[in-house]
């Protein structure tokens, strides 16, 4: 059990992540969807895992089926995009990678790739990051807006509970493995010890992919991150109709969502990915740009488009 000691200052700095962390969700889903009960709750995601398995094998091999993973693989930074999260992982100092992988994987069967991972081999780290990108693009991306809307709904309900019952009411009802015994938050996780937060606060992240136990990340001079499990109360195959489609139409919504994904998006590449003509792609992008949802700039002979902050808030 891990006991987090909260000061009055910590209680005033309890926040929720306003959206899912792309790289962090890849790690959580990469474990969770290998559990039969979770896979049954998300059949569409599970089917994509199966069809994408060749690209995902390095991640599955290096990531334990369940339990603790090295802290650097779930960075606090990188909430805004997958690229930022993967960059944070890849820039981890070698000494930190070696120490955390060796500690976390002490009981995992040894293989050549795992041994190289524990030694912070750059080639293995690049392979891991590539497999994480493939996992997001091929498994999570099609339902990313739906997953984020579900996350925001849970956060909204928690915010209402906080408004009615304060920090005590909020912390006392997070999860059965989390007990609030003021001024300590007791968390049944894979770590043990006593940690004083020192006024830096808590970031709470509810997740259907968290696994059977909550997860805690504590870094110096940063808020403690507590990821706690919630029941999968919706099945993506039966998710309600996308409200963005009702607002913008299916094609324009597809263009909008595509601009939020990692990578370089030109008028032609968006047309090709979505299956529309270049002129149609240009028309939709012009409308989105006029609404402040897309920014565009010329790079050489192409025009590159990116989602604005307003677009990301709307899509996620």
C-alpha atoms as a PDB file:
ATOM      1  CA  UNK A   1       0.000   0.000   0.000  1.00  0.00           C
ATOM      2  CA  UNK A   2       1.131   3.523  -0.777  1.00  0.00           C
ATOM      3  CA  UNK A   3       0.104   6.274   1.626  1.00  0.00           C
ATOM      4  CA  UNK A   4      -0.021   9.837   0.280  1.00  0.00           C
ATOM      5  CA  UNK A   5      -0.033  12.552   2.949  1.00  0.00           C
ATOM      6  CA  UNK A   6      -1.947  15.652   1.894  1.00  0.00           C
ATOM      7  CA  UNK A   7      -1.551  19.098   3.418  1.00  0.00           C
ATOM      8  CA  UNK A   8      -4.298  21.754   3.272  1.00  0.00           C
ATOM      9  CA  UNK A   9      -2.426  23.200   0.278  1.00  0.00           C
ATOM     10  CA  UNK A  10      -2.629  19.827  -1.495  1.00  0.00           C
ATOM     11  CA  UNK A  11      -6.390  19.712  -0.937  1.00  0.00           C
ATOM     12  CA  UNK A  12      -6.748  23.015  -2.775  1.00  0.00           C
ATOM     13  CA  UNK A  13      -4.752  21.633  -5.726  1.00  0.00           C
ATOM     14  CA  UNK A  14      -6.794  18.568  -6.637  1.00  0.00           C
ATOM     15  CA  UNK A  15      -7.462  18.554 -10.371  1.00  0.00           C
ATOM     16  CA  UNK A  16      -8.517  16.163 -13.109  1.00  0.00           C
ATOM     17  CA  UNK A  17      -6.787  15.831 -16.464  1.00  0.00           C
ATOM     18  CA  UNK A  18      -9.186  17.506 -18.905  1.00  0.00           C
ATOM     19  CA  UNK A  19      -8.499  14.875 -21.564  1.00  0.00           C
ATOM     20  CA  UNK A  20      -6.887  11.489 -21.942  1.00  0.00           C
ATOM     21  CA  UNK A  21      -3.104  11.301 -22.223  1.00  0.00           C
ATOM     22  CA  UNK A  22      -2.422   9.709 -25.645  1.00  0.00           C
ATOM     23  CA  UNK A  23       0.861   7.955 -24.825  1.00  0.00           C
ATOM     24  CA  UNK A  24      -0.288   7.026 -21.318  1.00  0.00           C
ATOM     25  CA  UNK A  25      -3.515   5.539 -22.670  1.00  0.00           C
ATOM     26  CA  UNK A  26      -1.525   3.434 -25.131  1.00  0.00           C
ATOM     27  CA  UNK A  27       0.378   1.884 -22.222  1.00  0.00           C
ATOM     28  CA  UNK A  28      -2.757   1.279 -20.168  1.00  0.00           C
ATOM     29  CA  UNK A  29      -4.745  -0.150 -23.078  1.00  0.00           C
ATOM     30  CA  UNK A  30      -1.747  -2.216 -24.160  1.00  0.00           C
ATOM     31  CA  UNK A  31      -2.025  -4.095 -20.881  1.00  0.00           C
ATOM     32  CA  UNK A  32      -5.779  -3.974 -20.309  1.00  0.00           C
ATOM     33  CA  UNK A  33      -6.885  -5.295 -23.696  1.00  0.00           C
ATOM     34  CA  UNK A  34      -4.826  -8.442 -23.122  1.00  0.00           C
ATOM     35  CA  UNK A  35      -7.173  -9.266 -20.229  1.00  0.00           C
ATOM     36  CA  UNK A  36     -10.195 -11.285 -21.467  1.00  0.00           C
ATOM     37  CA  UNK A  37     -12.763  -9.404 -19.345  1.00  0.00           C
ATOM     38  CA  UNK A  38     -11.622  -5.991 -20.592  1.00  0.00           C
ATOM     39  CA  UNK A  39     -11.294  -7.190 -24.177  1.00  0.00           C
ATOM     40  CA  UNK A  40     -14.899  -8.419 -24.050  1.00  0.00           C
ATOM     41  CA  UNK A  41     -16.057  -4.935 -23.019  1.00  0.00           C
ATOM     42  CA  UNK A  42     -14.286  -3.318 -25.977  1.00  0.00           C
ATOM     43  CA  UNK A  43     -14.753  -5.716 -28.909  1.00  0.00           C
ATOM     44  CA  UNK A  44     -13.985  -3.147 -31.593  1.00  0.00           C
ATOM     45  CA  UNK A  45     -10.672  -2.210 -29.968  1.00  0.00           C
ATOM     46  CA  UNK A  46      -9.854  -5.891 -29.422  1.00  0.00           C
ATOM     47  CA  UNK A  47     -10.466  -6.710 -33.071  1.00  0.00           C
ATOM     48  CA  UNK A  48      -8.107  -3.907 -34.086  1.00  0.00           C
ATOM     49  CA  UNK A  49      -5.452  -5.261 -31.719  1.00  0.00           C
ATOM     50  CA  UNK A  50      -5.729  -8.664 -33.407  1.00  0.00           C
ATOM     51  CA  UNK A  51      -5.559  -7.313 -36.953  1.00  0.00           C
ATOM     52  CA  UNK A  52      -2.664  -4.967 -36.084  1.00  0.00           C
ATOM     53  CA  UNK A  53      -0.707  -7.516 -34.063  1.00  0.00           C
ATOM     54  CA  UNK A  54       2.479  -7.611 -36.205  1.00  0.00           C
ATOM     55  CA  UNK A  55       3.074  -3.879 -35.623  1.00  0.00           C
ATOM     56  CA  UNK A  56       2.209  -4.157 -31.920  1.00  0.00           C
ATOM     57  CA  UNK A  57       4.354  -7.164 -30.980  1.00  0.00           C
ATOM     58  CA  UNK A  58       7.359  -5.118 -29.750  1.00  0.00           C
ATOM     59  CA  UNK A  59       5.109  -3.226 -27.328  1.00  0.00           C
ATOM     60  CA  UNK A  60       3.421  -6.410 -26.101  1.00  0.00           C
ATOM     61  CA  UNK A  61       6.795  -8.069 -25.599  1.00  0.00           C
ATOM     62  CA  UNK A  62       8.353  -5.183 -23.668  1.00  0.00           C
ATOM     63  CA  UNK A  63       5.223  -4.314 -21.685  1.00  0.00           C
ATOM     64  CA  UNK A  64       4.259  -6.689 -18.843  1.00  0.00           C
ATOM     65  CA  UNK A  65       0.807  -8.214 -19.229  1.00  0.00           C
ATOM     66  CA  UNK A  66      -0.264  -6.425 -16.071  1.00  0.00           C
ATOM     67  CA  UNK A  67       1.134  -4.525 -13.130  1.00  0.00           C
ATOM     68  CA  UNK A  68       3.766  -1.892 -12.662  1.00  0.00           C
ATOM     69  CA  UNK A  69       5.580  -0.264 -15.595  1.00  0.00           C
ATOM     70  CA  UNK A  70       8.562   2.110 -15.433  1.00  0.00           C
ATOM     71  CA  UNK A  71       7.556   5.677 -14.575  1.00  0.00           C
ATOM     72  CA  UNK A  72       9.207   7.162 -17.659  1.00  0.00           C
ATOM     73  CA  UNK A  73       6.789   5.224 -19.898  1.00  0.00           C
ATOM     74  CA  UNK A  74       3.821   7.193 -18.509  1.00  0.00           C
ATOM     75  CA  UNK A  75       5.142  10.773 -18.535  1.00  0.00           C
ATOM     76  CA  UNK A  76       3.265  13.682 -16.981  1.00  0.00           C
ATOM     77  CA  UNK A  77       4.202  15.713 -20.045  1.00  0.00           C
ATOM     78  CA  UNK A  78       2.618  15.042 -23.414  1.00  0.00           C
ATOM     79  CA  UNK A  79      -1.061  15.587 -22.653  1.00  0.00           C
ATOM     80  CA  UNK A  80      -1.591  17.731 -25.750  1.00  0.00           C
ATOM     81  CA  UNK A  81      -0.456  15.199 -28.364  1.00  0.00           C
ATOM     82  CA  UNK A  82       0.924  11.731 -28.949  1.00  0.00           C
ATOM     83  CA  UNK A  83       4.094  13.230 -30.418  1.00  0.00           C
ATOM     84  CA  UNK A  84       4.806  15.164 -27.220  1.00  0.00           C
ATOM     85  CA  UNK A  85       4.296  12.094 -25.048  1.00  0.00           C
ATOM     86  CA  UNK A  86       6.514   9.880 -27.205  1.00  0.00           C
ATOM     87  CA  UNK A  87       9.184  12.594 -27.300  1.00  0.00           C
ATOM     88  CA  UNK A  88       9.135  12.732 -23.491  1.00  0.00           C
ATOM     89  CA  UNK A  89       9.583   8.965 -23.315  1.00  0.00           C
ATOM     90  CA  UNK A  90      12.371   8.909 -25.892  1.00  0.00           C
ATOM     91  CA  UNK A  91      14.273  11.761 -24.187  1.00  0.00           C
ATOM     92  CA  UNK A  92      14.458   9.992 -20.810  1.00  0.00           C
ATOM     93  CA  UNK A  93      18.069   9.948 -19.533  1.00  0.00           C
ATOM     94  CA  UNK A  94      19.808   6.591 -20.015  1.00  0.00           C
ATOM     95  CA  UNK A  95      20.531   6.220 -16.297  1.00  0.00           C
ATOM     96  CA  UNK A  96      16.832   6.647 -15.482  1.00  0.00           C
ATOM     97  CA  UNK A  97      15.744   4.127 -18.132  1.00  0.00           C
ATOM     98  CA  UNK A  98      18.190   1.522 -16.839  1.00  0.00           C
ATOM     99  CA  UNK A  99      17.224   1.968 -13.193  1.00  0.00           C
ATOM    100  CA  UNK A 100      13.467   1.947 -13.757  1.00  0.00           C
ATOM    101  CA  UNK A 101      13.350  -0.920 -16.247  1.00  0.00           C
ATOM    102  CA  UNK A 102      15.607  -3.076 -14.087  1.00  0.00           C
ATOM    103  CA  UNK A 103      13.440  -2.430 -11.014  1.00  0.00           C
ATOM    104  CA  UNK A 104      10.085  -2.839 -12.734  1.00  0.00           C
ATOM    105  CA  UNK A 105      10.981  -5.941 -14.750  1.00  0.00           C
ATOM    106  CA  UNK A 106      12.978  -7.819 -12.125  1.00  0.00           C
ATOM    107  CA  UNK A 107      10.482 -10.735 -12.217  1.00  0.00           C
ATOM    108  CA  UNK A 108       9.758 -10.687 -15.950  1.00  0.00           C
ATOM    109  CA  UNK A 109      11.318 -13.563 -17.950  1.00  0.00           C
ATOM    110  CA  UNK A 110      14.529 -12.483 -19.629  1.00  0.00           C
ATOM    111  CA  UNK A 111      14.790 -12.191 -23.417  1.00  0.00           C
ATOM    112  CA  UNK A 112      17.343 -10.559 -25.686  1.00  0.00           C
ATOM    113  CA  UNK A 113      15.037  -7.610 -26.420  1.00  0.00           C
ATOM    114  CA  UNK A 114      14.151  -7.120 -22.747  1.00  0.00           C
ATOM    115  CA  UNK A 115      17.815  -7.251 -21.795  1.00  0.00           C
ATOM    116  CA  UNK A 116      18.596  -4.564 -24.382  1.00  0.00           C
ATOM    117  CA  UNK A 117      15.626  -2.541 -23.146  1.00  0.00           C
ATOM    118  CA  UNK A 118      16.985  -2.697 -19.589  1.00  0.00           C
ATOM    119  CA  UNK A 119      20.283  -1.443 -20.959  1.00  0.00           C
ATOM    120  CA  UNK A 120      18.551   1.545 -22.635  1.00  0.00           C
ATOM    121  CA  UNK A 121      19.529   0.375 -26.124  1.00  0.00           C
ATOM    122  CA  UNK A 122      18.537   3.272 -28.475  1.00  0.00           C
ATOM    123  CA  UNK A 123      17.346   0.885 -31.189  1.00  0.00           C
ATOM    124  CA  UNK A 124      14.984  -0.900 -28.785  1.00  0.00           C
ATOM    125  CA  UNK A 125      13.669   2.426 -27.461  1.00  0.00           C
ATOM    126  CA  UNK A 126      12.987   3.551 -31.043  1.00  0.00           C
ATOM    127  CA  UNK A 127      11.184   0.271 -31.725  1.00  0.00           C
ATOM    128  CA  UNK A 128       9.090   0.712 -28.568  1.00  0.00           C
ATOM    129  CA  UNK A 129       8.100   4.271 -29.517  1.00  0.00           C
ATOM    130  CA  UNK A 130       7.242   3.120 -33.046  1.00  0.00           C
ATOM    131  CA  UNK A 131       5.015   0.342 -31.718  1.00  0.00           C
ATOM    132  CA  UNK A 132       3.294   2.811 -29.381  1.00  0.00           C
ATOM    133  CA  UNK A 133       2.567   5.096 -32.321  1.00  0.00           C
ATOM    134  CA  UNK A 134       1.175   2.152 -34.293  1.00  0.00           C
ATOM    135  CA  UNK A 135      -1.010   1.181 -31.333  1.00  0.00           C
ATOM    136  CA  UNK A 136      -2.507   4.643 -31.108  1.00  0.00           C
ATOM    137  CA  UNK A 137      -3.034   5.034 -34.864  1.00  0.00           C
ATOM    138  CA  UNK A 138      -4.389   1.549 -35.537  1.00  0.00           C
ATOM    139  CA  UNK A 139      -6.266   0.711 -32.317  1.00  0.00           C
ATOM    140  CA  UNK A 140      -7.252   3.856 -30.411  1.00  0.00           C
ATOM    141  CA  UNK A 141      -7.467   6.667 -32.978  1.00  0.00           C
ATOM    142  CA  UNK A 142     -10.788   5.622 -34.599  1.00  0.00           C
ATOM    143  CA  UNK A 143     -12.531   5.904 -31.212  1.00  0.00           C
ATOM    144  CA  UNK A 144     -10.356   8.572 -29.614  1.00  0.00           C
ATOM    145  CA  UNK A 145     -13.065  11.289 -29.610  1.00  0.00           C
ATOM    146  CA  UNK A 146     -15.550   8.825 -28.046  1.00  0.00           C
ATOM    147  CA  UNK A 147     -13.063   7.786 -25.367  1.00  0.00           C
ATOM    148  CA  UNK A 148     -12.364  11.427 -24.533  1.00  0.00           C
ATOM    149  CA  UNK A 149     -16.049  12.280 -24.307  1.00  0.00           C
ATOM    150  CA  UNK A 150     -16.555   9.356 -21.917  1.00  0.00           C
ATOM    151  CA  UNK A 151     -13.611  10.622 -19.859  1.00  0.00           C
ATOM    152  CA  UNK A 152     -15.052  14.111 -19.690  1.00  0.00           C
ATOM    153  CA  UNK A 153     -18.414  12.751 -18.602  1.00  0.00           C
ATOM    154  CA  UNK A 154     -16.794  10.949 -15.658  1.00  0.00           C
ATOM    155  CA  UNK A 155     -14.837  14.082 -14.757  1.00  0.00           C
ATOM    156  CA  UNK A 156     -18.016  16.171 -14.924  1.00  0.00           C
ATOM    157  CA  UNK A 157     -19.769  13.794 -12.527  1.00  0.00           C
ATOM    158  CA  UNK A 158     -16.796  13.929 -10.150  1.00  0.00           C
ATOM    159  CA  UNK A 159     -16.800  17.716 -10.306  1.00  0.00           C
ATOM    160  CA  UNK A 160     -20.470  17.748  -9.322  1.00  0.00           C
ATOM    161  CA  UNK A 161     -19.688  15.459  -6.399  1.00  0.00           C
ATOM    162  CA  UNK A 162     -16.899  17.790  -5.304  1.00  0.00           C
ATOM    163  CA  UNK A 163     -19.238  20.775  -5.507  1.00  0.00           C
ATOM    164  CA  UNK A 164     -21.769  19.025  -3.269  1.00  0.00           C
ATOM    165  CA  UNK A 165     -19.488  17.275  -0.762  1.00  0.00           C
ATOM    166  CA  UNK A 166     -16.051  18.909  -1.001  1.00  0.00           C
ATOM    167  CA  UNK A 167     -12.657  17.211  -1.135  1.00  0.00           C
ATOM    168  CA  UNK A 168     -13.647  14.688   1.552  1.00  0.00           C
ATOM    169  CA  UNK A 169     -16.622  13.471  -0.463  1.00  0.00           C
ATOM    170  CA  UNK A 170     -14.607  13.317  -3.671  1.00  0.00           C
ATOM    171  CA  UNK A 171     -11.621  11.413  -2.273  1.00  0.00           C
ATOM    172  CA  UNK A 172     -13.772   9.000  -0.287  1.00  0.00           C
ATOM    173  CA  UNK A 173     -15.566   7.739  -3.410  1.00  0.00           C
ATOM    174  CA  UNK A 174     -12.851   7.349  -6.029  1.00  0.00           C
ATOM    175  CA  UNK A 175     -12.405   3.566  -5.946  1.00  0.00           C
ATOM    176  CA  UNK A 176     -12.614   0.689  -3.485  1.00  0.00           C
ATOM    177  CA  UNK A 177      -8.800   0.394  -3.540  1.00  0.00           C
ATOM    178  CA  UNK A 178      -8.417   4.046  -2.483  1.00  0.00           C
ATOM    179  CA  UNK A 179      -9.267   5.048   1.088  1.00  0.00           C
ATOM    180  CA  UNK A 180      -9.382   8.599   2.359  1.00  0.00           C
ATOM    181  CA  UNK A 181      -8.365   8.744   6.003  1.00  0.00           C
ATOM    182  CA  UNK A 182      -7.616  12.410   6.408  1.00  0.00           C
ATOM    183  CA  UNK A 183      -4.994  13.624   5.966  1.00  0.00           C
ATOM    184  CA  UNK A 184      -3.749  10.471   4.180  1.00  0.00           C
ATOM    185  CA  UNK A 185      -4.910   8.897   0.930  1.00  0.00           C
ATOM    186  CA  UNK A 186      -4.218   5.153   1.101  1.00  0.00           C
ATOM    187  CA  UNK A 187      -3.814   3.524  -2.300  1.00  0.00           C
ATOM    188  CA  UNK A 188      -3.598  -0.244  -2.825  1.00  0.00           C
ATOM    189  CA  UNK A 189      -1.167  -0.264  -5.729  1.00  0.00           C
ATOM    190  CA  UNK A 190       2.004  -2.100  -6.751  1.00  0.00           C
ATOM    191  CA  UNK A 191       4.172   0.338  -4.780  1.00  0.00           C
ATOM    192  CA  UNK A 192       4.606   0.641  -1.044  1.00  0.00           C
ATOM    193  CA  UNK A 193       5.683   3.512   1.163  1.00  0.00           C
ATOM    194  CA  UNK A 194       4.800   6.898   2.594  1.00  0.00           C
ATOM    195  CA  UNK A 195       4.950  10.054   0.470  1.00  0.00           C
ATOM    196  CA  UNK A 196       4.331  13.634   1.542  1.00  0.00           C
ATOM    197  CA  UNK A 197       3.086  15.690  -1.357  1.00  0.00           C
ATOM    198  CA  UNK A 198       4.326  18.977   0.074  1.00  0.00           C
ATOM    199  CA  UNK A 199       1.624  21.191  -1.363  1.00  0.00           C
ATOM    200  CA  UNK A 200       2.041  20.170  -5.018  1.00  0.00           C
ATOM    201  CA  UNK A 201      -1.403  18.578  -5.145  1.00  0.00           C
ATOM    202  CA  UNK A 202      -3.003  15.675  -7.002  1.00  0.00           C
ATOM    203  CA  UNK A 203      -3.957  15.010 -10.598  1.00  0.00           C
ATOM    204  CA  UNK A 204      -6.735  12.410 -10.774  1.00  0.00           C
ATOM    205  CA  UNK A 205      -7.230  10.313 -13.916  1.00  0.00           C
ATOM    206  CA  UNK A 206     -10.193   7.898 -14.130  1.00  0.00           C
ATOM    207  CA  UNK A 207      -9.581   5.168 -16.719  1.00  0.00           C
ATOM    208  CA  UNK A 208     -11.359   2.056 -17.935  1.00  0.00           C
ATOM    209  CA  UNK A 209      -7.893   0.739 -18.869  1.00  0.00           C
ATOM    210  CA  UNK A 210      -6.211   1.303 -15.489  1.00  0.00           C
ATOM    211  CA  UNK A 211      -6.375  -2.373 -14.543  1.00  0.00           C
ATOM    212  CA  UNK A 212      -7.377  -3.984 -11.255  1.00  0.00           C
ATOM    213  CA  UNK A 213      -5.365  -1.556  -9.112  1.00  0.00           C
ATOM    214  CA  UNK A 214      -4.840   2.210  -9.152  1.00  0.00           C
ATOM    215  CA  UNK A 215      -1.497   3.517 -10.396  1.00  0.00           C
ATOM    216  CA  UNK A 216       0.488   6.323  -8.811  1.00  0.00           C
ATOM    217  CA  UNK A 217       3.265   8.449 -10.294  1.00  0.00           C
ATOM    218  CA  UNK A 218       5.132  10.818  -7.986  1.00  0.00           C
ATOM    219  CA  UNK A 219       7.898  13.056  -9.320  1.00  0.00           C
ATOM    220  CA  UNK A 220       9.877  15.716  -7.416  1.00  0.00           C
ATOM    221  CA  UNK A 221       8.231  19.149  -7.368  1.00  0.00           C
ATOM    222  CA  UNK A 222       5.255  17.899  -9.400  1.00  0.00           C
ATOM    223  CA  UNK A 223       1.681  16.949  -8.509  1.00  0.00           C
ATOM    224  CA  UNK A 224       1.153  13.267  -7.754  1.00  0.00           C
ATOM    225  CA  UNK A 225      -0.672  11.463 -10.550  1.00  0.00           C
ATOM    226  CA  UNK A 226      -3.295   8.909  -9.457  1.00  0.00           C
ATOM    227  CA  UNK A 227      -4.845   6.790 -12.222  1.00  0.00           C
ATOM    228  CA  UNK A 228      -7.777   4.816 -10.872  1.00  0.00           C
ATOM    229  CA  UNK A 229     -10.021   2.197 -12.489  1.00  0.00           C
ATOM    230  CA  UNK A 230     -13.610   2.840 -13.504  1.00  0.00           C
ATOM    231  CA  UNK A 231     -16.044   0.275 -14.857  1.00  0.00           C
ATOM    232  CA  UNK A 232     -16.462   0.248 -18.650  1.00  0.00           C
ATOM    233  CA  UNK A 233     -20.043   1.525 -18.603  1.00  0.00           C
ATOM    234  CA  UNK A 234     -20.280   1.777 -22.357  1.00  0.00           C
ATOM    235  CA  UNK A 235     -19.390  -0.471 -25.281  1.00  0.00           C
ATOM    236  CA  UNK A 236     -17.837   1.409 -28.160  1.00  0.00           C
ATOM    237  CA  UNK A 237     -19.704  -0.655 -30.738  1.00  0.00           C
ATOM    238  CA  UNK A 238     -22.948   0.706 -29.274  1.00  0.00           C
ATOM    239  CA  UNK A 239     -21.752   4.203 -28.468  1.00  0.00           C
ATOM    240  CA  UNK A 240     -24.257   6.996 -29.074  1.00  0.00           C
ATOM    241  CA  UNK A 241     -24.111   8.884 -32.341  1.00  0.00           C
ATOM    242  CA  UNK A 242     -21.242  11.332 -32.598  1.00  0.00           C
ATOM    243  CA  UNK A 243     -22.642  14.826 -31.848  1.00  0.00           C
ATOM    244  CA  UNK A 244     -19.984  16.336 -34.118  1.00  0.00           C
ATOM    245  CA  UNK A 245     -21.478  14.433 -37.043  1.00  0.00           C
ATOM    246  CA  UNK A 246     -24.883  15.936 -36.253  1.00  0.00           C
ATOM    247  CA  UNK A 247     -23.284  19.383 -36.148  1.00  0.00           C
ATOM    248  CA  UNK A 248     -20.860  19.281 -39.095  1.00  0.00           C
ATOM    249  CA  UNK A 249     -21.813  16.247 -41.128  1.00  0.00           C
ATOM    250  CA  UNK A 250     -19.820  13.022 -41.448  1.00  0.00           C
ATOM    251  CA  UNK A 251     -17.238  14.162 -44.005  1.00  0.00           C
ATOM    252  CA  UNK A 252     -16.404  17.499 -42.398  1.00  0.00           C
ATOM    253  CA  UNK A 253     -16.164  15.785 -39.002  1.00  0.00           C
ATOM    254  CA  UNK A 254     -13.731  13.265 -40.481  1.00  0.00           C
ATOM    255  CA  UNK A 255     -11.600  16.118 -41.845  1.00  0.00           C
ATOM    256  CA  UNK A 256     -11.710  17.930 -38.489  1.00  0.00           C
ATOM    257  CA  UNK A 257     -10.753  14.854 -36.474  1.00  0.00           C
ATOM    258  CA  UNK A 258      -7.971  13.971 -38.914  1.00  0.00           C
ATOM    259  CA  UNK A 259      -6.269  17.324 -38.346  1.00  0.00           C
ATOM    260  CA  UNK A 260      -6.030  16.544 -34.610  1.00  0.00           C
ATOM    261  CA  UNK A 261      -3.967  13.415 -35.206  1.00  0.00           C
ATOM    262  CA  UNK A 262      -0.163  13.354 -35.117  1.00  0.00           C
ATOM    263  CA  UNK A 263       1.705  13.880 -38.358  1.00  0.00           C
ATOM    264  CA  UNK A 264       1.904  16.284 -41.276  1.00  0.00           C
ATOM    265  CA  UNK A 265      -1.485  16.884 -42.876  1.00  0.00           C
ATOM    266  CA  UNK A 266      -1.758  18.462 -46.313  1.00  0.00           C
ATOM    267  CA  UNK A 267      -4.888  19.033 -48.369  1.00  0.00           C
ATOM    268  CA  UNK A 268      -3.969  16.065 -50.558  1.00  0.00           C
ATOM    269  CA  UNK A 269      -3.026  13.702 -47.729  1.00  0.00           C
ATOM    270  CA  UNK A 270      -6.294  14.409 -45.908  1.00  0.00           C
ATOM    271  CA  UNK A 271      -8.245  13.794 -49.115  1.00  0.00           C
ATOM    272  CA  UNK A 272      -6.397  10.512 -49.646  1.00  0.00           C
ATOM    273  CA  UNK A 273      -6.837   9.285 -46.047  1.00  0.00           C
ATOM    274  CA  UNK A 274     -10.548  10.110 -45.880  1.00  0.00           C
ATOM    275  CA  UNK A 275     -11.367   9.053 -49.428  1.00  0.00           C
ATOM    276  CA  UNK A 276     -12.597  12.348 -50.864  1.00  0.00           C
ATOM    277  CA  UNK A 277     -11.450  14.568 -53.720  1.00  0.00           C
ATOM    278  CA  UNK A 278      -8.769  17.210 -53.206  1.00  0.00           C
ATOM    279  CA  UNK A 279     -11.260  19.956 -54.056  1.00  0.00           C
ATOM    280  CA  UNK A 280     -13.685  18.626 -51.427  1.00  0.00           C
ATOM    281  CA  UNK A 281     -10.884  18.435 -48.868  1.00  0.00           C
ATOM    282  CA  UNK A 282      -9.924  22.050 -49.646  1.00  0.00           C
ATOM    283  CA  UNK A 283     -13.545  23.186 -49.276  1.00  0.00           C
ATOM    284  CA  UNK A 284     -13.984  21.538 -45.871  1.00  0.00           C
ATOM    285  CA  UNK A 285     -10.635  22.830 -44.608  1.00  0.00           C
ATOM    286  CA  UNK A 286     -11.511  26.375 -45.725  1.00  0.00           C
ATOM    287  CA  UNK A 287     -14.758  26.219 -43.740  1.00  0.00           C
ATOM    288  CA  UNK A 288     -12.982  24.879 -40.666  1.00  0.00           C
ATOM    289  CA  UNK A 289     -10.269  27.523 -40.978  1.00  0.00           C
ATOM    290  CA  UNK A 290     -12.901  30.295 -41.216  1.00  0.00           C
ATOM    291  CA  UNK A 291     -14.449  28.943 -37.986  1.00  0.00           C
ATOM    292  CA  UNK A 292     -11.093  29.087 -36.186  1.00  0.00           C
ATOM    293  CA  UNK A 293     -10.802  25.290 -35.951  1.00  0.00           C
ATOM    294  CA  UNK A 294      -7.872  24.777 -38.320  1.00  0.00           C
ATOM    295  CA  UNK A 295      -4.719  26.778 -39.032  1.00  0.00           C
ATOM    296  CA  UNK A 296      -2.932  26.452 -42.361  1.00  0.00           C
ATOM    297  CA  UNK A 297       0.500  27.429 -43.618  1.00  0.00           C
ATOM    298  CA  UNK A 298       2.438  26.874 -46.813  1.00  0.00           C
ATOM    299  CA  UNK A 299       5.468  24.578 -46.692  1.00  0.00           C
ATOM    300  CA  UNK A 300       7.170  24.371 -50.052  1.00  0.00           C
ATOM    301  CA  UNK A 301       4.588  23.330 -52.618  1.00  0.00           C
ATOM    302  CA  UNK A 302       1.992  22.136 -50.108  1.00  0.00           C
ATOM    303  CA  UNK A 303      -0.339  23.683 -47.550  1.00  0.00           C
ATOM    304  CA  UNK A 304      -0.098  22.032 -44.136  1.00  0.00           C
ATOM    305  CA  UNK A 305      -3.071  22.051 -41.779  1.00  0.00           C
ATOM    306  CA  UNK A 306      -3.170  21.707 -37.985  1.00  0.00           C
ATOM    307  CA  UNK A 307      -6.010  21.647 -35.502  1.00  0.00           C
ATOM    308  CA  UNK A 308      -6.243  24.714 -33.276  1.00  0.00           C
ATOM    309  CA  UNK A 309      -6.697  24.504 -29.518  1.00  0.00           C
ATOM    310  CA  UNK A 310     -10.401  25.234 -30.008  1.00  0.00           C
ATOM    311  CA  UNK A 311     -10.663  22.315 -32.452  1.00  0.00           C
ATOM    312  CA  UNK A 312      -8.949  19.929 -30.011  1.00  0.00           C
ATOM    313  CA  UNK A 313     -11.280  20.985 -27.223  1.00  0.00           C
ATOM    314  CA  UNK A 314     -14.262  20.405 -29.476  1.00  0.00           C
ATOM    315  CA  UNK A 315     -13.077  17.043 -30.796  1.00  0.00           C
ATOM    316  CA  UNK A 316     -11.881  15.680 -27.461  1.00  0.00           C
END
